[in-house]
Amino acid sequence: MTDPSDRAQPRFRPLWRIRRLPPRLSVDRVSARVPTQEQYEALHLPSNLPVLRTLRVVYSDHERPIEATVMVKAGHLYELQYEFTPE
């Protein structure tokens, strides 16, 4: 039997690339919370650690959303950094 990680992964092309919609803005909403049992097992979390949930929405022209992604990460393994330029 082969390891599932040895299988070729399908190539993902975001819809905005197919339709040639240029990304103009990316907005991340990050929250810390208690993991679900499934996340606890999948991420091999030690007990009592939160996960970071990120909802990322990418917008094109006229504030049109062109991509949405939900990511869940082990909270103790990541550091967030934000940068902005004042107008």
N, C-alpha and C. Protein backbone atom coordinates (compact mmCIF):
# COMPACT_ATOMS: atom_id res chain seq x y z
N MET A 1 0.85 -1.18 0.00
CA MET A 1 0.00 0.00 0.00
C MET A 1 0.89 1.24 0.00
N THR A 2 0.52 2.24 -0.76
CA THR A 2 1.33 3.46 -0.83
C THR A 2 0.85 4.47 0.19
N ASP A 3 1.74 5.33 0.57
CA ASP A 3 1.43 6.42 1.48
C ASP A 3 0.61 7.46 0.73
N PRO A 4 -0.52 7.95 1.30
CA PRO A 4 -1.35 8.94 0.60
C PRO A 4 -0.58 10.20 0.22
N SER A 5 0.47 10.54 0.97
CA SER A 5 1.23 11.75 0.65
C SER A 5 2.10 11.56 -0.59
N ASP A 6 2.26 10.30 -1.06
CA ASP A 6 3.05 10.04 -2.26
C ASP A 6 2.26 10.28 -3.55
N ARG A 7 0.97 10.41 -3.43
CA ARG A 7 0.13 10.61 -4.61
C ARG A 7 0.33 12.00 -5.20
N ALA A 8 0.21 12.08 -6.51
CA ALA A 8 0.31 13.38 -7.17
C ALA A 8 -0.86 14.24 -6.75
N GLN A 9 -0.58 15.47 -6.39
CA GLN A 9 -1.62 16.40 -5.99
C GLN A 9 -2.17 17.12 -7.21
N PRO A 10 -3.49 17.34 -7.28
CA PRO A 10 -4.04 18.08 -8.42
C PRO A 10 -3.54 19.52 -8.42
N ARG A 11 -3.33 20.04 -9.58
CA ARG A 11 -2.88 21.43 -9.69
C ARG A 11 -4.06 22.36 -9.54
N PHE A 12 -3.95 23.31 -8.64
CA PHE A 12 -5.03 24.25 -8.36
C PHE A 12 -4.75 25.57 -9.05
N ARG A 13 -5.72 26.06 -9.81
CA ARG A 13 -5.61 27.38 -10.42
C ARG A 13 -6.77 28.22 -9.93
N PRO A 14 -6.50 29.28 -9.19
CA PRO A 14 -7.58 30.13 -8.70
C PRO A 14 -8.42 30.68 -9.85
N LEU A 15 -9.71 30.82 -9.59
CA LEU A 15 -10.63 31.31 -10.60
C LEU A 15 -10.23 32.68 -11.12
N TRP A 16 -9.68 33.52 -10.22
CA TRP A 16 -9.30 34.87 -10.66
C TRP A 16 -8.18 34.82 -11.71
N ARG A 17 -7.36 33.79 -11.68
CA ARG A 17 -6.32 33.66 -12.72
C ARG A 17 -6.93 33.20 -14.04
N ILE A 18 -7.88 32.29 -13.95
CA ILE A 18 -8.53 31.80 -15.16
C ILE A 18 -9.29 32.93 -15.84
N ARG A 19 -9.99 33.72 -15.04
CA ARG A 19 -10.79 34.82 -15.61
C ARG A 19 -10.00 36.12 -15.75
N ARG A 20 -8.76 36.10 -15.34
CA ARG A 20 -7.86 37.26 -15.44
C ARG A 20 -8.39 38.48 -14.68
N LEU A 21 -8.86 38.22 -13.47
CA LEU A 21 -9.30 39.29 -12.59
C LEU A 21 -8.14 39.63 -11.66
N PRO A 22 -7.62 40.84 -11.72
CA PRO A 22 -6.45 41.18 -10.91
C PRO A 22 -6.79 41.35 -9.44
N PRO A 23 -6.02 40.72 -8.55
CA PRO A 23 -6.25 40.95 -7.12
C PRO A 23 -5.81 42.36 -6.75
N ARG A 24 -6.64 43.06 -5.99
CA ARG A 24 -6.35 44.44 -5.58
C ARG A 24 -6.19 44.60 -4.08
N LEU A 25 -6.86 43.73 -3.32
CA LEU A 25 -6.85 43.85 -1.87
C LEU A 25 -7.06 42.47 -1.27
N SER A 26 -6.32 42.17 -0.22
CA SER A 26 -6.50 40.92 0.51
C SER A 26 -6.80 41.29 1.96
N VAL A 27 -7.88 40.72 2.50
CA VAL A 27 -8.30 41.00 3.87
C VAL A 27 -8.30 39.69 4.66
N ASP A 28 -7.54 39.68 5.76
CA ASP A 28 -7.48 38.50 6.63
C ASP A 28 -8.22 38.80 7.93
N ARG A 29 -9.08 37.88 8.34
CA ARG A 29 -9.73 37.94 9.65
C ARG A 29 -9.19 36.76 10.43
N VAL A 30 -8.45 37.04 11.51
CA VAL A 30 -7.78 35.99 12.28
C VAL A 30 -8.44 35.91 13.66
N SER A 31 -8.73 34.69 14.07
CA SER A 31 -9.28 34.48 15.41
C SER A 31 -8.59 33.28 16.05
N ALA A 32 -8.51 33.30 17.37
CA ALA A 32 -7.97 32.16 18.13
C ALA A 32 -9.15 31.48 18.82
N ARG A 33 -9.14 30.15 18.77
CA ARG A 33 -10.25 29.42 19.39
C ARG A 33 -9.82 28.02 19.75
N VAL A 34 -10.67 27.35 20.48
CA VAL A 34 -10.45 25.95 20.85
C VAL A 34 -10.64 25.09 19.59
N PRO A 35 -9.75 24.15 19.33
CA PRO A 35 -9.89 23.32 18.13
C PRO A 35 -11.04 22.33 18.25
N THR A 36 -11.57 21.93 17.10
CA THR A 36 -12.53 20.82 17.10
C THR A 36 -11.73 19.54 17.35
N GLN A 37 -12.43 18.47 17.64
CA GLN A 37 -11.74 17.19 17.85
C GLN A 37 -10.99 16.77 16.59
N GLU A 38 -11.60 16.97 15.44
CA GLU A 38 -10.96 16.63 14.16
C GLU A 38 -9.67 17.44 13.96
N GLN A 39 -9.70 18.74 14.25
CA GLN A 39 -8.52 19.58 14.11
C GLN A 39 -7.45 19.19 15.12
N TYR A 40 -7.87 18.89 16.34
CA TYR A 40 -6.95 18.45 17.39
C TYR A 40 -6.15 17.24 16.92
N GLU A 41 -6.84 16.27 16.33
CA GLU A 41 -6.18 15.06 15.86
C GLU A 41 -5.34 15.30 14.60
N ALA A 42 -5.88 16.03 13.65
CA ALA A 42 -5.17 16.26 12.38
C ALA A 42 -3.89 17.08 12.57
N LEU A 43 -3.93 18.03 13.50
CA LEU A 43 -2.77 18.90 13.73
C LEU A 43 -1.82 18.35 14.80
N HIS A 44 -2.17 17.20 15.39
CA HIS A 44 -1.34 16.58 16.44
C HIS A 44 -1.04 17.58 17.55
N LEU A 45 -2.08 18.22 18.04
CA LEU A 45 -1.91 19.26 19.05
C LEU A 45 -1.70 18.68 20.44
N PRO A 46 -0.77 19.28 21.19
CA PRO A 46 -0.72 18.97 22.62
C PRO A 46 -2.00 19.51 23.26
N SER A 47 -2.31 19.10 24.44
CA SER A 47 -3.56 19.53 25.06
C SER A 47 -3.57 21.02 25.36
N ASN A 48 -4.76 21.57 25.41
CA ASN A 48 -5.01 22.96 25.83
C ASN A 48 -4.34 24.02 24.97
N LEU A 49 -4.20 23.79 23.68
CA LEU A 49 -3.64 24.80 22.80
C LEU A 49 -4.70 25.27 21.80
N PRO A 50 -4.75 26.58 21.57
CA PRO A 50 -5.73 27.09 20.60
C PRO A 50 -5.23 26.92 19.17
N VAL A 51 -6.16 27.05 18.25
CA VAL A 51 -5.80 27.13 16.83
C VAL A 51 -6.05 28.55 16.37
N LEU A 52 -5.35 28.93 15.33
CA LEU A 52 -5.60 30.21 14.67
C LEU A 52 -6.41 29.92 13.42
N ARG A 53 -7.53 30.57 13.29
CA ARG A 53 -8.38 30.43 12.10
C ARG A 53 -8.27 31.72 11.32
N THR A 54 -7.89 31.61 10.05
CA THR A 54 -7.79 32.77 9.18
C THR A 54 -8.79 32.65 8.05
N LEU A 55 -9.62 33.66 7.91
CA LEU A 55 -10.50 33.77 6.76
C LEU A 55 -9.89 34.85 5.87
N ARG A 56 -9.42 34.48 4.70
CA ARG A 56 -8.80 35.42 3.76
C ARG A 56 -9.73 35.62 2.57
N VAL A 57 -10.06 36.87 2.29
CA VAL A 57 -10.86 37.21 1.12
C VAL A 57 -10.04 38.14 0.25
N VAL A 58 -9.91 37.78 -1.01
CA VAL A 58 -9.17 38.59 -1.98
C VAL A 58 -10.19 39.28 -2.87
N TYR A 59 -9.98 40.58 -3.06
CA TYR A 59 -10.90 41.38 -3.85
C TYR A 59 -10.22 41.89 -5.11
N SER A 60 -11.02 42.07 -6.16
CA SER A 60 -10.55 42.66 -7.41
C SER A 60 -11.14 44.06 -7.53
N ASP A 61 -11.24 44.54 -8.73
CA ASP A 61 -11.80 45.87 -8.98
C ASP A 61 -13.25 45.94 -8.48
N HIS A 62 -13.65 47.11 -8.05
CA HIS A 62 -15.02 47.38 -7.59
C HIS A 62 -15.41 46.52 -6.39
N GLU A 63 -14.41 46.20 -5.55
CA GLU A 63 -14.61 45.41 -4.32
C GLU A 63 -15.26 44.05 -4.59
N ARG A 64 -14.99 43.49 -5.75
CA ARG A 64 -15.54 42.18 -6.12
C ARG A 64 -14.70 41.08 -5.50
N PRO A 65 -15.29 40.22 -4.63
CA PRO A 65 -14.51 39.12 -4.06
C PRO A 65 -14.20 38.08 -5.15
N ILE A 66 -12.94 37.67 -5.21
CA ILE A 66 -12.53 36.72 -6.24
C ILE A 66 -11.92 35.44 -5.66
N GLU A 67 -11.68 35.44 -4.36
CA GLU A 67 -11.15 34.23 -3.72
C GLU A 67 -11.42 34.31 -2.23
N ALA A 68 -11.77 33.17 -1.64
CA ALA A 68 -11.95 33.07 -0.19
C ALA A 68 -11.27 31.79 0.27
N THR A 69 -10.50 31.90 1.34
CA THR A 69 -9.76 30.77 1.88
C THR A 69 -9.93 30.74 3.39
N VAL A 70 -10.15 29.55 3.94
CA VAL A 70 -10.16 29.37 5.39
C VAL A 70 -8.97 28.48 5.74
N MET A 71 -8.14 28.95 6.65
CA MET A 71 -6.97 28.19 7.09
C MET A 71 -7.05 28.01 8.60
N VAL A 72 -6.72 26.84 9.08
CA VAL A 72 -6.66 26.57 10.52
C VAL A 72 -5.26 26.06 10.82
N LYS A 73 -4.59 26.72 11.77
CA LYS A 73 -3.19 26.40 12.08
C LYS A 73 -3.03 26.23 13.59
N ALA A 74 -2.07 25.41 13.97
CA ALA A 74 -1.75 25.25 15.39
C ALA A 74 -1.25 26.59 15.93
N GLY A 75 -1.92 27.11 16.95
CA GLY A 75 -1.62 28.45 17.45
C GLY A 75 -0.22 28.64 17.98
N HIS A 76 0.40 27.62 18.50
CA HIS A 76 1.72 27.76 19.11
C HIS A 76 2.86 27.72 18.09
N LEU A 77 2.55 27.48 16.81
CA LEU A 77 3.60 27.35 15.80
C LEU A 77 3.71 28.54 14.85
N TYR A 78 2.85 29.54 15.02
CA TYR A 78 2.81 30.63 14.05
C TYR A 78 2.91 31.99 14.73
N GLU A 79 3.50 32.91 14.03
CA GLU A 79 3.57 34.30 14.45
C GLU A 79 2.98 35.13 13.31
N LEU A 80 2.13 36.06 13.65
CA LEU A 80 1.51 36.90 12.64
C LEU A 80 2.24 38.23 12.56
N GLN A 81 2.38 38.74 11.36
CA GLN A 81 3.00 40.05 11.15
C GLN A 81 2.12 40.82 10.18
N TYR A 82 1.81 42.06 10.54
CA TYR A 82 1.01 42.92 9.68
C TYR A 82 1.78 44.18 9.37
N GLU A 83 1.71 44.61 8.15
CA GLU A 83 2.34 45.87 7.75
C GLU A 83 1.33 46.70 6.99
N PHE A 84 1.40 48.00 7.15
CA PHE A 84 0.55 48.88 6.37
C PHE A 84 1.27 50.21 6.18
N THR A 85 0.85 50.90 5.16
CA THR A 85 1.40 52.21 4.87
C THR A 85 0.28 53.25 5.07
N PRO A 86 0.47 54.20 5.97
CA PRO A 86 -0.57 55.21 6.16
C PRO A 86 -0.80 56.01 4.89
N GLU A 87 -2.04 56.37 4.65
CA GLU A 87 -2.36 57.15 3.45
C GLU A 87 -2.11 58.62 3.69
